[in-house]
Protein backbone atom coordinates (compact mmCIF):
# COMPACT_ATOMS: atom_id res chain seq x y z
CA MET A 1 164.64 145.97 33.25
CA PHE A 2 164.71 146.29 37.04
CA ASN A 3 162.22 143.91 38.68
CA ALA A 4 161.55 145.51 42.05
CA THR A 5 159.28 142.70 43.23
CA GLN A 6 161.89 140.03 42.54
CA VAL A 7 164.72 142.07 44.02
CA LYS A 8 162.66 142.73 47.16
CA ASP A 9 162.00 139.01 47.59
CA ASP A 10 165.65 138.17 46.94
CA LEU A 11 166.80 140.76 49.49
CA ILE A 12 164.47 139.37 52.14
CA GLN A 13 165.83 135.87 51.59
CA TRP A 14 169.42 137.17 51.54
CA ILE A 15 168.90 138.83 54.94
CA ARG A 16 167.42 135.63 56.38
CA THR A 17 170.37 133.64 55.10
CA TYR A 18 172.86 136.15 56.47
CA PHE A 19 171.37 135.93 59.96
CA ASP A 20 171.08 132.14 59.81
CA GLU A 21 174.80 132.01 59.10
CA ASN A 22 176.04 134.98 61.14
CA GLY A 23 173.76 135.39 64.12
CA ARG A 24 170.80 133.05 64.39
CA ASP A 25 168.14 134.73 66.57
CA CYS A 26 170.19 137.97 66.72
CA PRO A 27 168.39 141.24 65.93
CA ALA A 28 169.25 143.80 63.27
CA VAL A 29 170.33 147.24 64.52
CA ILE A 30 169.68 150.13 62.15
CA GLY A 31 170.33 153.85 62.38
CA ILE A 32 167.05 155.51 61.43
CA SER A 33 167.51 158.87 59.71
CA GLY A 34 164.01 159.08 58.28
CA GLY A 35 165.35 158.84 54.74
CA LYS A 36 164.62 156.16 52.17
CA ASP A 37 167.79 154.09 52.65
CA SER A 38 167.46 153.46 56.37
CA SER A 39 163.68 153.08 56.03
CA VAL A 40 163.94 150.51 53.23
CA THR A 41 166.65 148.63 55.11
CA ALA A 42 164.53 148.58 58.26
CA ALA A 43 161.46 147.45 56.32
CA LEU A 44 163.42 144.65 54.66
CA CYS A 45 164.77 143.47 58.01
CA ALA A 46 161.36 143.66 59.67
CA THR A 47 159.89 141.56 56.87
CA ALA A 48 162.76 139.08 56.84
CA LEU A 49 163.22 138.66 60.59
CA GLY A 50 160.02 139.98 62.12
CA PRO A 51 159.59 143.42 63.74
CA ASP A 52 160.55 142.05 67.15
CA ARG A 53 164.08 141.35 65.86
CA VAL A 54 164.76 144.87 64.59
CA TYR A 55 166.01 147.81 66.64
CA GLY A 56 165.91 151.29 65.16
CA VAL A 57 168.26 153.88 66.63
CA LEU A 58 167.45 157.56 66.18
CA MET A 59 170.55 159.73 66.61
CA PRO A 60 169.84 163.45 66.36
CA GLN A 61 172.66 165.90 66.91
CA GLY A 62 170.89 168.43 69.09
CA ILE A 63 167.60 169.48 67.54
CA GLN A 64 166.72 167.56 64.37
CA SER A 65 164.04 169.33 62.38
CA ASP A 66 162.78 166.15 60.72
CA ILE A 67 162.95 163.84 63.76
CA ASP A 68 159.20 163.22 63.44
CA THR A 69 159.85 161.48 60.12
CA SER A 70 162.28 159.11 61.83
CA LYS A 71 159.72 158.42 64.54
CA SER A 72 157.05 157.77 61.94
CA VAL A 73 159.26 155.11 60.34
CA VAL A 74 159.68 153.05 63.52
CA GLU A 75 155.99 153.48 64.33
CA PHE A 76 154.95 152.42 60.82
CA LEU A 77 157.17 149.33 60.95
CA LYS A 78 156.28 148.59 64.60
CA ILE A 79 159.92 148.04 65.55
CA ARG A 80 161.56 148.75 68.88
CA HIS A 81 163.70 151.84 68.98
CA TYR A 82 166.04 153.99 71.03
CA GLU A 83 166.76 157.69 70.70
CA VAL A 84 170.33 158.74 71.45
CA ASN A 85 171.22 162.41 71.07
CA ILE A 86 174.88 162.58 70.05
CA LYS A 87 175.35 166.34 70.51
CA THR A 88 177.06 166.10 73.89
CA ALA A 89 179.49 163.47 72.62
CA VAL A 90 180.27 165.42 69.44
CA ASP A 91 180.78 168.69 71.31
CA ALA A 92 183.01 167.04 73.91
CA LEU A 93 185.18 165.38 71.28
CA PHE A 94 185.50 168.57 69.25
CA GLU A 95 186.48 170.47 72.39
CA SER A 96 189.10 167.87 73.29
CA ILE A 97 190.56 167.88 69.79
CA SER A 98 190.74 171.69 69.76
CA ALA A 99 192.33 171.68 73.22
CA GLY A 100 194.98 169.37 71.82
CA GLY A 101 195.99 172.03 69.33
CA VAL A 102 194.18 170.72 66.25
CA GLU A 103 192.06 173.24 64.36
CA LEU A 104 189.02 171.39 63.04
CA ASN A 105 188.10 171.96 59.40
CA ARG A 106 184.80 171.39 57.58
CA PRO A 107 185.44 167.74 56.59
CA ALA A 108 186.29 166.86 60.19
CA ARG A 109 183.19 168.59 61.51
CA ILE A 110 180.92 166.88 58.96
CA ASN A 111 182.39 163.36 59.07
CA THR A 112 183.12 162.95 62.79
CA PRO A 113 179.42 162.90 63.83
CA ALA A 114 178.82 160.10 61.31
CA ARG A 115 181.56 158.07 62.99
CA ILE A 116 180.10 158.76 66.42
CA ARG A 117 176.74 157.56 65.13
CA MET A 118 178.32 154.31 63.98
CA ALA A 119 180.04 153.89 67.36
CA THR A 120 176.62 154.39 68.95
CA LEU A 121 175.08 151.69 66.75
CA TYR A 122 177.79 149.24 67.73
CA ALA A 123 177.30 150.08 71.42
CA VAL A 124 173.58 149.35 71.11
CA SER A 125 174.38 146.22 69.09
CA ALA A 126 176.67 144.98 71.87
CA VAL A 127 173.86 145.41 74.39
CA VAL A 128 171.24 143.52 72.34
CA ASN A 129 173.71 141.08 70.70
CA GLY A 130 172.77 142.44 67.29
CA ARG A 131 174.17 142.90 63.82
CA VAL A 132 174.54 146.44 62.48
CA ALA A 133 173.01 147.19 59.10
CA ASN A 134 174.87 149.33 56.62
CA THR A 135 172.32 151.45 54.75
CA CYS A 136 174.45 152.93 51.94
CA ASN A 137 173.35 152.51 48.34
CA LEU A 138 175.40 152.08 45.16
CA SER A 139 174.85 155.65 43.95
CA GLU A 140 176.28 157.18 47.13
CA ASP A 141 179.15 154.72 47.29
CA TRP A 142 179.99 155.30 43.61
CA VAL A 143 180.89 158.94 44.21
CA GLY A 144 182.15 158.57 47.77
CA TYR A 145 179.12 160.19 49.35
CA SER A 146 179.58 158.36 52.62
CA THR A 147 181.89 158.58 55.60
CA LYS A 148 184.60 155.96 55.86
CA PHE A 149 184.11 154.04 59.14
CA GLY A 150 180.95 156.11 59.61
CA ASP A 151 177.79 155.33 57.67
CA SER A 152 179.87 153.19 55.28
CA ALA A 153 180.51 150.67 58.09
CA GLY A 154 178.29 147.82 59.21
CA ASP A 155 177.99 144.04 59.41
CA PHE A 156 175.74 143.51 56.38
CA SER A 157 174.74 145.77 53.50
CA PRO A 158 171.45 145.02 51.70
CA LEU A 159 171.39 148.06 49.42
CA ALA A 160 175.05 148.29 48.38
CA GLN A 161 174.39 147.13 44.82
CA LEU A 162 171.22 149.16 44.24
CA THR A 163 171.03 152.70 42.87
CA VAL A 164 168.86 155.38 44.46
CA THR A 165 166.23 154.82 41.77
CA GLU A 166 166.19 151.09 42.51
CA VAL A 167 166.07 151.57 46.29
CA LYS A 168 162.98 153.75 45.85
CA ALA A 169 161.34 151.06 43.72
CA VAL A 170 161.98 148.42 46.37
CA GLY A 171 160.62 150.77 49.02
CA ARG A 172 157.38 151.12 47.09
CA GLU A 173 157.13 147.33 46.83
CA LEU A 174 157.50 147.17 50.61
CA GLY A 175 154.57 149.55 51.01
CA LEU A 176 156.49 152.40 52.63
CA PRO A 177 154.69 155.78 52.56
CA PRO A 178 155.56 158.07 49.62
CA ALA A 179 156.53 160.82 52.08
CA ILE A 180 159.43 158.62 53.19
CA ILE A 181 160.41 157.20 49.81
CA ASP A 182 160.37 160.56 48.04
CA LYS A 183 161.85 162.64 50.86
CA THR A 184 164.66 164.89 49.61
CA PRO A 185 167.87 163.08 50.58
CA ALA A 186 170.27 164.99 52.81
CA ASP A 187 173.18 164.04 55.03
CA GLY A 188 171.62 165.70 58.07
CA LEU A 189 174.95 167.31 58.89
CA SER A 190 175.84 169.96 56.32
CA GLY A 191 172.41 171.55 55.92
CA LEU A 192 172.39 170.80 52.18
CA SER A 193 170.63 168.14 50.13
CA ASP A 194 172.69 165.32 48.62
CA GLU A 195 172.23 166.68 45.13
CA GLU A 196 173.26 170.19 46.21
CA ASN A 197 176.41 168.76 47.73
CA LEU A 198 177.18 166.60 44.71
CA GLY A 199 176.35 169.11 41.99
CA PHE A 200 174.22 166.70 39.93
CA THR A 201 171.01 164.71 40.29
CA TYR A 202 170.73 161.10 41.35
CA ASN A 203 168.73 160.44 38.19
CA ALA A 204 171.73 161.49 36.10
CA LEU A 205 174.12 159.49 38.29
CA ASP A 206 171.95 156.35 38.29
CA ARG A 207 171.57 156.47 34.52
CA TYR A 208 175.33 156.80 34.10
CA ILE A 209 176.02 153.91 36.46
CA ARG A 210 173.60 151.55 34.71
CA THR A 211 174.01 152.61 31.07
CA GLY A 212 177.27 154.56 30.87
CA LEU A 213 175.35 157.43 29.28
CA CYS A 214 175.72 161.04 30.36
CA GLU A 215 175.28 163.76 27.75
CA GLN A 216 176.69 166.58 29.91
CA ALA A 217 180.47 166.34 29.67
CA ASP A 218 181.09 168.35 32.84
CA ILE A 219 178.85 166.08 34.92
CA LYS A 220 180.39 162.95 33.43
CA GLU A 221 183.86 164.27 34.24
CA LYS A 222 182.84 165.07 37.80
CA ILE A 223 181.28 161.65 38.39
CA ASP A 224 184.37 159.91 36.97
CA ARG A 225 186.67 162.01 39.12
CA LEU A 226 184.68 161.38 42.30
CA TYR A 227 184.59 157.66 41.55
CA GLN A 228 188.36 157.44 41.12
CA CYS A 229 189.10 159.61 44.15
CA ASN A 230 186.84 157.54 46.41
CA LEU A 231 187.61 154.00 45.25
CA HIS A 232 189.50 153.47 48.50
CA LYS A 233 186.17 153.60 50.34
CA MET A 234 184.76 150.73 48.30
CA LYS A 235 187.74 148.41 48.53
CA PRO A 236 188.85 146.30 51.52
CA MET A 237 191.62 147.82 53.60
CA PRO A 238 194.95 146.97 51.93
CA CYS A 239 197.37 145.01 54.03
CA PHE A 240 201.01 144.04 53.66
CA ALA A 241 201.33 140.53 52.26
CA TYR A 242 203.99 138.98 54.47
CA ASN A 243 205.40 135.85 52.83
CA GLY A 244 207.03 134.45 55.94
CA GLY A 245 210.57 134.87 54.55
């Protein structure tokens, strides 16, 4: 049985320990999308370190229809924040790539902005001497629903071993508003919800991860296939083991 109160307390202590060992007095830097993952991560860091040691970074790509939700998160948590619109950078890079003779496809157009967002977080982190939070959860990572060296990057990852269902439970324990916790998850890039992109619900995925049960054979097959195809995202980068001979 998942004990959200205990896990919340353990996460807060884990974050404090991480910063004691890897950046005493440094702030946490978090990309704020307005969704549950970044909001829960920001709330955990604000509780663990104090709001004055948390920077939220809002990174719309042009006009973001739900930017007010992101703003409400930083206001609710009383953390400092920056807003960096990445549209100019994305457009310029796409133009340069096209000018070089490369025809951009859909994966490139969807994943490149995520990598620019991560570069932005590390630029802000360099300015404030911070540590960048990874906000991915286990459910997304399980099926590769993240961008390698984009939102899957970071210095520390509080939610990596928690499913979507469990992240929501921790968020409720932290007192985050239901409008944030229960907001329909979307990547903010493709125009589709996570579940529309994946072809199954997070409830079904979370149940399969934790119990191994999935009555629908086609969904089970798809989850297993996605997991195998995207294992490379969850493992450390392989390197040649030189033996010195």
